[in-house]
Amino acid sequence: QVQLVESGGGLVQAGGSLRLSCAVSLPPISSYFIGWFRQAPGKERDFVAAIGLISRSTYYADSMKGRFTISRDNAENTVYLQMNSLKPEDTAVYYCAARLGYYSGNHRNWNYWGQGTQVAVSA
């Protein structure tokens, strides 16, 4: 059974930073990928970033490169999303997700989801 819990969202001024956390509980089986997605009101859920827990390979949506960084702690029980230079258009609910075996940028290919954490960026 996989459990994901997001935290760290809140209200921030444009140009500021936030670090989101995803606490992960996984079976003792390797090769999971953890991803971050976001969904703004009235819009589709979009890929943000992903990381392989074993390989440590990282993947980013083109629009996030240079501002957002995904990482994991050494114990492999928390995945972070560092968000810098935030813009009002970054306002969304941010979700972490998990899947086994390989990375995908399509949210429909991910099996496990957290409840989300709200990020609001004011001008």
Protein backbone atom coordinates (compact mmCIF):
# COMPACT_ATOMS: atom_id res chain seq x y z
CA GLN A 1 0.00 0.00 0.00
CA VAL A 2 1.24 3.48 -0.93
CA GLN A 3 0.46 6.61 1.09
CA LEU A 4 1.36 10.19 0.12
CA VAL A 5 0.87 13.31 2.23
CA GLU A 6 1.69 16.80 0.94
CA SER A 7 2.52 19.81 3.08
CA GLY A 8 4.17 23.22 2.83
CA GLY A 9 1.66 25.16 0.77
CA GLY A 10 0.51 28.65 1.63
CA LEU A 11 0.31 32.25 0.51
CA VAL A 12 3.43 33.92 -0.83
CA GLN A 13 4.26 37.17 -2.60
CA ALA A 14 5.31 37.13 -6.24
CA GLY A 15 9.05 36.54 -6.48
CA GLY A 16 9.13 34.57 -3.26
CA SER A 17 9.84 30.91 -2.57
CA LEU A 18 8.16 27.87 -1.07
CA ARG A 19 9.28 24.32 -0.44
CA LEU A 20 6.63 21.63 -0.66
CA SER A 21 7.07 18.26 1.01
CA CYS A 22 5.61 14.87 0.17
CA ALA A 23 5.88 12.29 2.93
CA VAL A 24 5.84 8.87 1.29
CA SER A 25 5.04 5.46 2.70
CA LEU A 26 5.93 2.66 0.30
CA PRO A 27 6.23 -1.13 0.34
CA PRO A 28 9.82 -2.40 0.61
CA ILE A 29 10.05 -2.68 -3.16
CA SER A 30 12.38 -0.56 -5.27
CA SER A 31 11.91 1.43 -8.50
CA TYR A 32 9.08 3.81 -7.54
CA PHE A 33 8.87 7.24 -9.13
CA ILE A 34 7.44 10.23 -7.26
CA GLY A 35 5.99 13.16 -9.17
CA TRP A 36 4.53 16.59 -8.58
CA PHE A 37 1.50 17.85 -10.48
CA ARG A 38 -0.60 20.98 -10.16
CA GLN A 39 -4.14 21.99 -11.02
CA ALA A 40 -5.42 25.55 -11.21
CA PRO A 41 -9.14 26.36 -11.04
CA GLY A 42 -10.89 25.43 -14.28
CA LYS A 43 -7.76 23.88 -15.80
CA GLU A 44 -6.36 20.40 -16.36
CA ARG A 45 -3.89 18.75 -14.03
CA ASP A 46 -0.39 19.43 -15.35
CA PHE A 47 2.94 17.73 -14.79
CA VAL A 48 5.53 19.68 -12.81
CA ALA A 49 8.46 17.39 -11.96
CA ALA A 50 9.35 13.80 -11.09
CA ILE A 51 12.18 11.84 -9.49
CA GLY A 52 13.16 8.19 -9.45
CA LEU A 53 13.72 7.06 -5.87
CA ILE A 54 16.36 4.53 -6.89
CA SER A 55 17.92 6.09 -9.97
CA ARG A 56 17.60 9.69 -8.70
CA SER A 57 16.88 10.76 -12.26
CA THR A 58 14.84 13.97 -12.42
CA TYR A 59 12.37 15.26 -14.99
CA TYR A 60 10.77 18.68 -15.39
CA ALA A 61 8.09 20.33 -17.42
CA ASP A 62 9.73 22.86 -19.73
CA SER A 63 7.95 25.77 -18.06
CA MET A 64 9.38 24.81 -14.64
CA LYS A 65 13.04 24.46 -15.56
CA GLY A 66 15.27 26.97 -13.82
CA ARG A 67 12.71 27.84 -11.12
CA PHE A 68 11.59 24.53 -9.58
CA THR A 69 13.77 21.73 -8.19
CA ILE A 70 12.69 18.26 -7.11
CA SER A 71 14.75 16.29 -4.59
CA ARG A 72 14.53 13.55 -1.97
CA ASP A 73 16.01 13.06 1.47
CA ASN A 74 18.57 10.37 2.23
CA ALA A 75 16.04 8.21 4.05
CA GLU A 76 13.86 8.15 0.92
CA ASN A 77 10.74 8.99 2.91
CA THR A 78 10.29 12.62 1.82
CA VAL A 79 10.31 14.22 -1.62
CA TYR A 80 10.57 18.00 -1.92
CA LEU A 81 9.62 20.57 -4.50
CA GLN A 82 11.60 23.79 -4.11
CA MET A 83 9.81 26.62 -5.90
CA ASN A 84 11.62 29.91 -6.52
CA SER A 85 10.70 33.13 -8.31
CA LEU A 86 7.02 32.35 -7.90
CA LYS A 87 4.47 34.02 -10.15
CA PRO A 88 0.71 34.51 -9.76
CA GLU A 89 0.16 31.94 -12.51
CA ASP A 90 1.80 29.33 -10.25
CA THR A 91 -1.30 29.48 -8.03
CA ALA A 92 -2.78 25.98 -7.92
CA VAL A 93 -3.35 22.91 -5.82
CA TYR A 94 -0.15 20.88 -5.89
CA TYR A 95 -0.32 17.08 -5.69
CA CYS A 96 2.32 14.44 -5.26
CA ALA A 97 1.88 11.09 -6.94
CA ALA A 98 3.58 7.71 -7.25
CA ARG A 99 3.95 5.04 -9.86
CA LEU A 100 6.09 1.93 -10.23
CA GLY A 101 8.74 1.34 -12.81
CA TYR A 102 9.14 4.42 -14.99
CA TYR A 103 8.49 8.11 -15.38
CA SER A 104 5.50 9.59 -17.22
CA GLY A 105 4.53 13.22 -17.80
CA ASN A 106 0.86 12.27 -18.20
CA HIS A 107 -1.13 12.32 -14.94
CA ARG A 108 -3.37 9.53 -16.25
CA ASN A 109 -0.43 7.11 -15.98
CA TRP A 110 0.03 7.62 -12.23
CA ASN A 111 -1.65 5.28 -9.76
CA TYR A 112 -1.38 6.84 -6.29
CA TRP A 113 -2.17 10.39 -5.23
CA GLY A 114 -2.00 12.61 -2.17
CA GLN A 115 -4.77 15.02 -1.16
CA GLY A 116 -2.99 18.14 -2.40
CA THR A 117 -1.71 21.34 -0.85
CA GLN A 118 -2.80 24.84 -1.88
CA VAL A 119 -0.28 27.35 -3.18
CA ALA A 120 -1.40 30.95 -3.73
CA VAL A 121 0.91 33.62 -5.17
CA SER A 122 -0.16 37.24 -4.87
CA ALA A 123 1.01 40.09 -7.08
